Protein backbone atom coordinates (compact mmCIF):
# COMPACT_ATOMS: atom_id res chain seq x y z
CA UNK A 1 -37.90 -52.53 2.53
CA UNK A 2 -39.63 -49.57 0.94
CA UNK A 3 -39.72 -47.74 4.27
CA UNK A 4 -36.04 -48.46 4.88
CA UNK A 5 -35.17 -47.15 1.42
CA UNK A 6 -37.15 -43.98 2.05
CA UNK A 7 -35.40 -43.48 5.38
CA UNK A 8 -32.01 -44.06 3.75
CA UNK A 9 -32.87 -41.64 0.95
CA UNK A 10 -34.02 -39.06 3.45
CA UNK A 11 -30.80 -39.46 5.47
CA UNK A 12 -28.74 -39.08 2.28
CA UNK A 13 -30.71 -35.95 1.38
CA UNK A 14 -30.02 -34.47 4.81
CA UNK A 15 -26.33 -35.37 4.54
CA UNK A 16 -25.99 -33.79 1.10
CA UNK A 17 -27.84 -30.72 2.32
CA UNK A 18 -25.46 -30.37 5.26
CA UNK A 19 -22.47 -30.72 2.94
CA UNK A 20 -23.94 -28.09 0.60
CA UNK A 21 -24.64 -25.68 3.43
CA UNK A 22 -21.24 -26.32 4.98
CA UNK A 23 -19.46 -25.74 1.65
CA UNK A 24 -21.29 -22.49 1.05
CA UNK A 25 -20.63 -21.30 4.57
CA UNK A 26 -16.91 -21.93 4.08
CA UNK A 27 -17.05 -20.09 0.76
CA UNK A 28 -19.03 -17.13 2.03
CA UNK A 29 -16.99 -16.91 5.20
CA UNK A 30 -13.65 -16.94 3.36
CA UNK A 31 -13.67 -13.19 3.83
CA UNK A 32 -11.96 -11.00 4.70
CA UNK A 33 -8.65 -12.38 3.46
CA UNK A 34 -6.84 -9.40 1.91
CA UNK A 35 -4.69 -7.59 4.52
CA UNK A 36 -7.50 -7.81 7.08
CA UNK A 37 -8.28 -11.34 8.28
CA UNK A 38 -10.53 -12.87 10.94
CA UNK A 39 -7.42 -13.62 13.02
CA UNK A 40 -6.29 -10.02 12.81
CA UNK A 41 -9.76 -8.74 13.75
CA UNK A 42 -9.91 -11.08 16.72
CA UNK A 43 -6.47 -10.02 17.98
CA UNK A 44 -7.31 -6.32 17.66
CA UNK A 45 -10.63 -6.75 19.45
CA UNK A 46 -9.12 -8.85 22.22
CA UNK A 47 -6.41 -6.48 23.41
CA UNK A 48 -4.64 -3.33 22.30
CA UNK A 49 -1.50 -1.56 23.45
CA UNK A 50 -1.48 2.19 24.09
CA UNK A 51 -0.05 2.75 20.60
CA UNK A 52 -2.73 0.59 18.98
CA UNK A 53 -5.46 2.41 20.89
CA UNK A 54 -4.11 5.72 19.60
CA UNK A 55 -4.01 4.44 16.02
CA UNK A 56 -7.51 2.98 16.34
CA UNK A 57 -8.90 6.26 17.66
CA UNK A 58 -7.48 8.07 14.63
CA UNK A 59 -8.73 5.36 12.27
CA UNK A 60 -12.27 5.61 13.63
CA UNK A 61 -12.12 9.40 13.44
CA UNK A 62 -11.01 9.12 9.82
CA UNK A 63 -13.91 6.75 9.05
CA UNK A 64 -16.43 9.04 10.76
CA UNK A 65 -15.16 12.11 8.92
CA UNK A 66 -15.37 10.26 5.62
CA UNK A 67 -18.86 9.01 6.47
CA UNK A 68 -20.04 12.59 7.02
CA UNK A 69 -18.38 13.97 3.92
CA UNK A 70 -20.58 15.04 1.03
CA UNK A 71 -19.93 13.08 -2.16
CA UNK A 72 -18.50 15.41 -4.82
CA UNK A 73 -19.66 15.55 -8.42
CA UNK A 74 -17.12 13.42 -10.26
CA UNK A 75 -16.65 12.98 -14.00
CA UNK A 76 -13.54 10.85 -13.61
CA UNK A 77 -10.95 9.75 -11.06
CA UNK A 78 -8.62 12.71 -11.43
CA UNK A 79 -6.00 13.52 -8.80
CA UNK A 80 -8.22 15.33 -6.32
CA UNK A 81 -10.48 12.26 -6.01
CA UNK A 82 -7.82 9.57 -5.55
CA UNK A 83 -8.14 9.95 -1.78
CA UNK A 84 -11.60 8.37 -2.01
CA UNK A 85 -10.23 4.98 -2.96
CA UNK A 86 -7.52 5.25 -0.31
CA UNK A 87 -9.97 6.13 2.48
CA UNK A 88 -12.83 3.74 1.66
CA UNK A 89 -11.33 0.73 3.50
CA UNK A 90 -11.50 2.69 6.77
CA UNK A 91 -15.28 2.19 6.65
CA UNK A 92 -14.91 -1.56 6.31
CA UNK A 93 -12.47 -1.73 9.20
CA UNK A 94 -14.73 0.45 11.35
CA UNK A 95 -17.59 -1.98 10.74
CA UNK A 96 -15.54 -4.99 11.81
CA UNK A 97 -14.29 -3.25 14.94
CA UNK A 98 -17.61 -1.75 16.07
CA UNK A 99 -20.29 -3.99 14.46
CA UNK A 100 -22.07 -0.75 13.54
CA UNK A 101 -23.95 -1.31 10.28
CA UNK A 102 -23.95 2.38 9.39
CA UNK A 103 -20.37 1.93 8.17
CA UNK A 104 -21.63 -0.69 5.72
CA UNK A 105 -24.27 1.77 4.52
CA UNK A 106 -21.64 4.47 4.14
CA UNK A 107 -19.35 2.09 2.23
CA UNK A 108 -22.24 1.22 -0.10
CA UNK A 109 -22.87 4.93 -0.63
CA UNK A 110 -19.28 5.66 -1.64
CA UNK A 111 -18.98 2.51 -3.75
CA UNK A 112 -22.15 3.45 -5.64
CA UNK A 113 -20.77 6.93 -6.21
CA UNK A 114 -17.53 5.75 -7.82
CA UNK A 115 -19.32 3.02 -9.80
CA UNK A 116 -21.56 5.72 -11.26
CA UNK A 117 -18.53 7.48 -12.79
CA UNK A 118 -18.32 6.35 -16.45
CA UNK A 119 -14.54 6.46 -16.78
CA UNK A 120 -12.00 5.91 -14.01
CA UNK A 121 -9.26 7.77 -15.83
CA UNK A 122 -7.06 10.34 -14.10
CA UNK A 123 -3.31 10.99 -14.29
CA UNK A 124 -2.92 7.97 -16.54
CA UNK A 125 -3.92 4.99 -14.37
CA UNK A 126 -3.31 6.48 -10.94
CA UNK A 127 -6.91 7.48 -10.28
CA UNK A 128 -8.16 4.19 -11.70
CA UNK A 129 -5.80 2.26 -9.45
CA UNK A 130 -6.85 4.15 -6.32
CA UNK A 131 -10.51 3.38 -6.90
CA UNK A 132 -9.83 -0.22 -7.90
CA UNK A 133 -7.88 -0.93 -4.72
CA UNK A 134 -10.50 0.74 -2.50
CA UNK A 135 -13.40 -1.14 -4.10
CA UNK A 136 -11.53 -4.45 -4.13
CA UNK A 137 -10.76 -4.27 -0.43
CA UNK A 138 -14.32 -3.35 0.52
CA UNK A 139 -15.66 -6.14 -1.71
CA UNK A 140 -13.52 -8.58 0.26
CA UNK A 141 -13.93 -7.06 3.72
CA UNK A 142 -17.71 -6.57 3.53
CA UNK A 143 -18.52 -9.53 1.31
CA UNK A 144 -20.99 -11.08 3.75
CA UNK A 145 -22.91 -7.88 4.48
CA UNK A 146 -22.93 -5.87 1.25
CA UNK A 147 -26.05 -5.81 -0.90
CA UNK A 148 -25.85 -8.50 -3.59
CA UNK A 149 -26.57 -6.01 -6.38
CA UNK A 150 -23.72 -3.76 -5.25
CA UNK A 151 -21.36 -6.74 -5.13
CA UNK A 152 -22.39 -7.69 -8.65
CA UNK A 153 -21.73 -4.15 -9.89
CA UNK A 154 -18.32 -4.07 -8.18
CA UNK A 155 -17.42 -7.39 -9.77
CA UNK A 156 -18.47 -6.22 -13.25
CA UNK A 157 -16.54 -2.96 -12.88
CA UNK A 158 -13.35 -4.54 -11.58
CA UNK A 159 -13.39 -7.11 -14.38
CA UNK A 160 -13.83 -4.26 -16.87
CA UNK A 161 -11.02 -2.15 -15.39
CA UNK A 162 -8.46 -4.99 -15.32
CA UNK A 163 -7.95 -5.22 -19.12
CA UNK A 164 -7.49 -1.44 -19.26
CA UNK A 165 -4.71 -1.71 -16.69
CA UNK A 166 -3.12 -4.65 -18.52
CA UNK A 167 -3.11 -2.86 -21.86
CA UNK A 168 -2.16 0.68 -20.79
CA UNK A 169 0.18 0.28 -17.81
CA UNK A 170 3.66 1.79 -17.93
CA UNK A 171 5.05 -1.73 -17.97
CA UNK A 172 8.68 -0.76 -18.55
CA UNK A 173 8.88 1.63 -15.58
CA UNK A 174 10.31 -0.62 -12.88
CA UNK A 175 11.78 2.43 -11.12
CA UNK A 176 8.61 4.53 -11.15
CA UNK A 177 5.72 4.80 -8.74
CA UNK A 178 3.39 4.33 -11.72
CA UNK A 179 4.15 0.67 -12.39
CA UNK A 180 4.15 -0.17 -8.67
CA UNK A 181 0.67 1.34 -8.39
CA UNK A 182 -0.71 -0.22 -11.59
CA UNK A 183 0.68 -3.64 -10.65
CA UNK A 184 -0.97 -3.37 -7.25
CA UNK A 185 -4.35 -2.50 -8.75
CA UNK A 186 -4.31 -5.30 -11.31
CA UNK A 187 -3.09 -7.76 -8.70
CA UNK A 188 -5.82 -6.75 -6.24
CA UNK A 189 -8.45 -7.47 -8.88
CA UNK A 190 -6.89 -10.87 -9.45
CA UNK A 191 -6.81 -11.67 -5.75
CA UNK A 192 -10.36 -10.58 -4.98
CA UNK A 193 -11.74 -12.34 -8.05
CA UNK A 194 -9.89 -15.63 -7.50
CA UNK A 195 -13.10 -17.39 -6.46
CA UNK A 196 -15.33 -15.34 -8.74
CA UNK A 197 -13.88 -15.39 -12.25
CA UNK A 198 -11.61 -17.53 -14.43
CA UNK A 199 -10.02 -14.29 -15.69
CA UNK A 200 -8.43 -13.77 -12.27
CA UNK A 201 -5.64 -16.18 -13.20
CA UNK A 202 -4.67 -14.01 -16.16
CA UNK A 203 -4.65 -10.86 -14.04
CA UNK A 204 -2.55 -12.45 -11.32
CA UNK A 205 -0.10 -13.90 -13.84
CA UNK A 206 0.49 -10.44 -15.33
CA UNK A 207 0.76 -8.80 -11.91
CA UNK A 208 3.26 -11.47 -10.86
CA UNK A 209 5.35 -10.84 -13.98
CA UNK A 210 5.44 -7.11 -13.27
CA UNK A 211 6.12 -7.68 -9.58
CA UNK A 212 9.18 -9.80 -10.35
CA UNK A 213 10.36 -7.23 -12.89
CA UNK A 214 10.09 -4.52 -10.22
CA UNK A 215 11.86 -6.68 -7.64
CA UNK A 216 14.67 -7.65 -10.01
CA UNK A 217 15.43 -4.07 -11.04
CA UNK A 218 15.01 -2.34 -7.68
CA UNK A 219 18.10 -0.35 -6.61
CA UNK A 220 20.61 -2.53 -4.80
CA UNK A 221 20.95 -0.08 -1.91
CA UNK A 222 17.35 0.42 -0.73
CA UNK A 223 17.07 4.00 -2.00
CA UNK A 224 14.62 5.35 -4.60
CA UNK A 225 15.61 7.71 -7.40
CA UNK A 226 12.29 9.59 -7.42
CA UNK A 227 12.86 10.85 -3.86
CA UNK A 228 11.01 10.12 -0.61
CA UNK A 229 7.70 11.59 -1.80
CA UNK A 230 7.27 9.17 -4.69
CA UNK A 231 8.94 6.38 -2.72
CA UNK A 232 6.12 6.50 -0.18
CA UNK A 233 3.46 6.93 -2.88
CA UNK A 234 4.40 3.93 -5.02
CA UNK A 235 5.46 1.73 -2.13
CA UNK A 236 2.27 2.64 -0.25
CA UNK A 237 0.28 0.77 -2.90
CA UNK A 238 2.82 -1.98 -3.46
CA UNK A 239 2.96 -2.84 0.24
CA UNK A 240 -0.82 -3.14 0.31
CA UNK A 241 -0.64 -5.57 -2.60
CA UNK A 242 2.22 -7.58 -1.11
CA UNK A 243 0.36 -7.86 2.19
CA UNK A 244 -2.80 -8.98 0.39
CA UNK A 245 -0.80 -11.62 -1.49
CA UNK A 246 0.62 -12.90 1.78
CA UNK A 247 -2.57 -12.93 3.85
CA UNK A 248 -4.60 -14.55 1.04
CA UNK A 249 -2.08 -17.36 0.74
CA UNK A 250 -1.36 -16.53 -2.90
CA UNK A 251 2.36 -15.76 -2.59
CA UNK A 252 4.90 -14.31 -0.16
CA UNK A 253 7.25 -11.95 -1.98
CA UNK A 254 9.02 -10.64 1.12
CA UNK A 255 11.90 -13.15 1.45
CA UNK A 256 13.20 -12.54 -2.10
CA UNK A 257 12.82 -8.74 -2.04
CA UNK A 258 16.29 -7.51 -0.99
CA UNK A 259 15.53 -3.86 -1.77
CA UNK A 260 12.53 -3.96 0.54
CA UNK A 261 14.65 -5.30 3.41
CA UNK A 262 16.89 -2.22 3.16
CA UNK A 263 14.53 0.53 2.10
CA UNK A 264 13.39 1.57 5.58
CA UNK A 265 16.79 3.21 6.01
CA UNK A 266 16.09 5.50 3.02
CA UNK A 267 13.57 7.81 4.77
CA UNK A 268 15.48 7.48 8.06
CA UNK A 269 18.68 8.88 6.59
CA UNK A 270 16.85 11.42 4.46
CA UNK A 271 14.96 12.79 7.48
CA UNK A 272 15.90 16.20 8.86
CA UNK A 273 17.50 16.48 12.32
CA UNK A 274 14.83 16.21 15.00
CA UNK A 275 12.08 16.23 12.34
CA UNK A 276 11.26 12.64 11.37
CA UNK A 277 8.49 13.60 8.92
CA UNK A 278 10.55 16.22 7.03
CA UNK A 279 13.09 15.09 4.46
CA UNK A 280 15.89 16.07 2.12
CA UNK A 281 14.10 17.02 -1.09
CA UNK A 282 16.09 15.39 -3.89
CA UNK A 283 14.08 14.76 -7.08
CA UNK A 284 10.36 15.60 -7.17
CA UNK A 285 9.98 15.82 -3.43
CA UNK A 286 8.92 18.60 -1.10
CA UNK A 287 10.69 18.77 2.25
CA UNK A 288 7.48 18.47 4.30
CA UNK A 289 5.73 15.24 3.37
CA UNK A 290 3.29 13.04 5.24
CA UNK A 291 4.89 9.65 5.77
CA UNK A 292 2.41 6.74 6.10
CA UNK A 293 3.84 4.92 9.10
CA UNK A 294 2.52 1.54 7.95
CA UNK A 295 5.42 1.47 5.49
CA UNK A 296 7.80 1.27 8.44
CA UNK A 297 5.54 -0.94 10.57
CA UNK A 298 5.22 -3.56 7.81
CA UNK A 299 8.96 -3.56 7.12
CA UNK A 300 9.70 -3.76 10.84
CA UNK A 301 7.39 -6.73 11.23
CA UNK A 302 8.34 -8.69 8.11
CA UNK A 303 12.09 -8.25 8.62
CA UNK A 304 12.16 -7.93 12.44
CA UNK A 305 13.89 -4.57 12.22
CA UNK A 306 13.70 -2.47 15.39
CA UNK A 307 15.10 0.65 13.70
CA UNK A 308 12.16 0.72 11.30
CA UNK A 309 9.77 0.27 14.22
CA UNK A 310 11.36 3.16 16.10
CA UNK A 311 11.27 5.48 13.10
CA UNK A 312 7.63 4.56 12.38
CA UNK A 313 6.69 5.45 15.95
CA UNK A 314 8.65 8.71 15.78
CA UNK A 315 7.02 9.62 12.45
CA UNK A 316 3.50 9.07 13.81
CA UNK A 317 1.88 12.51 13.82
CA UNK A 318 -1.22 11.81 15.92
CA UNK A 319 -3.41 13.13 13.09
CA UNK A 320 -5.99 11.47 10.88
CA UNK A 321 -4.99 10.45 7.38
CA UNK A 322 -6.57 8.62 4.47
CA UNK A 323 -4.37 5.56 5.17
CA UNK A 324 -4.54 5.62 8.95
CA UNK A 325 -6.50 2.36 8.83
CA UNK A 326 -3.44 0.68 7.35
CA UNK A 327 -1.20 2.08 10.10
CA UNK A 328 -3.55 0.55 12.66
CA UNK A 329 -3.75 -2.90 11.05
CA UNK A 330 -0.01 -3.30 10.47
CA UNK A 331 1.50 -2.02 13.74
CA UNK A 332 3.05 -5.02 15.48
CA UNK A 333 3.69 -4.33 19.18
CA UNK A 334 5.94 -7.39 19.47
CA UNK A 335 8.71 -5.65 17.49
CA UNK A 336 10.98 -3.90 20.00
CA UNK A 337 12.10 -0.44 18.82
CA UNK A 338 15.82 0.23 18.43
CA UNK A 339 16.74 3.89 18.65
CA UNK A 340 17.66 5.30 15.23
CA UNK A 341 19.84 7.86 17.03
CA UNK A 342 22.54 5.22 17.56
CA UNK A 343 22.89 4.65 13.81
CA UNK A 344 26.04 5.94 12.04
CA UNK A 345 25.78 9.57 11.00
CA UNK A 346 27.09 8.89 7.47
CA UNK A 347 25.23 6.75 4.95
CA UNK A 348 26.20 5.99 1.37
CA UNK A 349 23.48 4.49 -0.83
CA UNK A 350 26.00 3.15 -3.31
CA UNK A 351 23.77 2.11 -6.23
CA UNK A 352 22.03 5.46 -6.69
CA UNK A 353 25.01 7.27 -5.13
CA UNK A 354 23.09 9.22 -2.52
CA UNK A 355 25.18 10.28 0.46
CA UNK A 356 23.87 11.80 3.69
CA UNK A 357 26.18 13.15 6.40
CA UNK A 358 25.03 14.64 9.69
CA UNK A 359 26.65 16.03 12.79
CA UNK A 360 24.02 14.23 14.87
CA UNK A 361 20.34 13.36 15.12
CA UNK A 362 19.20 16.20 17.43
CA UNK A 363 17.23 19.15 16.07
CA UNK A 364 20.22 21.54 16.12
CA UNK A 365 22.36 19.22 14.01
CA UNK A 366 23.54 19.79 10.45
CA UNK A 367 22.74 17.37 7.62
CA UNK A 368 24.20 17.40 4.11
CA UNK A 369 22.76 15.42 1.21
CA UNK A 370 24.77 14.72 -1.94
CA UNK A 371 23.85 12.94 -5.14
CA UNK A 372 26.24 11.83 -7.87
CA UNK A 373 24.81 8.69 -9.51
CA UNK A 374 22.97 7.92 -12.77
CA UNK A 375 19.18 8.17 -12.86
CA UNK A 376 18.46 4.40 -12.91
CA UNK A 377 21.34 3.55 -10.55
CA UNK A 378 24.64 1.90 -11.47
CA UNK A 379 23.32 -1.66 -11.73
CA UNK A 380 20.47 -0.70 -14.08
CA UNK A 381 22.66 1.75 -16.01
CA UNK A 382 24.88 -1.22 -16.95
CA UNK A 383 22.01 -3.62 -17.66
CA UNK A 384 22.02 -4.77 -21.33
CA UNK A 385 18.23 -4.40 -21.47
CA UNK A 386 18.31 -0.74 -20.35
CA UNK A 387 17.65 0.73 -23.81
CA UNK A 388 14.79 -1.59 -24.73
CA UNK A 389 13.22 -0.83 -21.33
CA UNK A 390 13.76 2.91 -21.84
CA UNK A 391 15.99 3.28 -18.81
CA UNK A 392 13.44 1.47 -16.60
CA UNK A 393 11.51 4.73 -16.37
CA UNK A 394 12.50 6.69 -13.24
CA UNK A 395 9.98 9.41 -14.09
CA UNK A 396 10.43 11.80 -11.15
CA UNK A 397 14.20 11.82 -10.92
CA UNK A 398 16.15 14.98 -11.78
CA UNK A 399 19.22 15.46 -14.01
CA UNK A 400 21.02 16.71 -10.92
CA UNK A 401 24.30 14.80 -10.69
CA UNK A 402 26.56 16.46 -8.07
CA UNK A 403 23.66 18.36 -6.53
CA UNK A 404 23.73 18.91 -2.77
CA UNK A 405 21.46 20.03 0.08
CA UNK A 406 22.38 21.56 3.43
CA UNK A 407 20.12 21.89 6.47
CA UNK A 408 21.52 23.31 9.73
CA UNK A 409 20.08 24.53 13.04
CA UNK A 410 16.53 24.34 11.77
CA UNK A 411 17.06 26.15 8.44
CA UNK A 412 17.77 25.28 4.82
CA UNK A 413 21.06 26.71 3.56
CA UNK A 414 21.01 24.93 0.20
CA UNK A 415 18.08 23.09 -1.32
CA UNK A 416 17.07 21.19 -4.45
CA UNK A 417 15.36 23.42 -7.08
CA UNK A 418 12.05 21.61 -6.55
CA UNK A 419 9.65 19.35 -8.39
CA UNK A 420 9.48 19.09 -12.19
């Protein structure tokens, strides 16, 4: 009997050990889950279209250039260093695609550099948000290969930065890139810390509140009062957060987001004839702006819109960029492009009252842009809560009602006065 009991006890011990090991394997292998997933990695490694191969080549080049770059002396996260947070995930993606551990070492080097900076301030919370998002994604993507001490330091720093974002964000500015970016940063901390800290629930709850506020006050017509430049800046972060929410299983905001369904037409109609990356410069927007094509690729994929896919392909420059890794991950070759050149040549964005008229889409065509609406758009202008929310904060719009732009045969004939 004693022997049988010992055997039974030993078997139970083995069983419990297997359960413990299995549970910890599931936990440790529940990464990556934010934007990049094991399924996505497998699909990219299995086969790539010509377009994906081009995007991957540029992504790897971007990672290699960043790997070789000397780390600057940084006292904070001011504007000139925001690119660091944006580029860091390229190293994590390069590791997963190549299995080359030097990308992990490079990621650890850059993470250590930003963690060593005492304050992540810079242009209010914009620098902080850039570094938060970069560190959060690498924490998730490289969770199983990063040094434990570095992971601990990332965790401590992200949990310290979250309350700063909660208490200092421009939480009334539903129509500004600032709140989109701050919401994304706080939400990323919540997502990546879901299994690490009880505080994650508080961060996600606040990010969800802000996200719904942004969704509910977005212009009804898909346009953006701050112009294309700040449209792509704020949305570039917000899309990353929305994708992370979706891939992690936390929440899918896409079905309820009517503005997002329409907004791909905003840069299409604001683009200059024959120049998909150059735009009408209403508000604080230069005419020559880099357009991250993942914005169009994500919208094309989530809403099965071939026009967005076509414009994203046309706007692809074939050059490296700090967010090229996102272009590569989000391009969906199953979405069939529909030529934007068959779209109507007149478009009225009726909430913000932007109008674009063009003689055609070829490079010799003429395009006229006209603006005659209120800064927050008609719907928000008439919202009873407008005053208490300080106009919903469209910070980079101009007091330029009845302003117009004209571009013809490759030249500007009339142009917005410029930023600020």
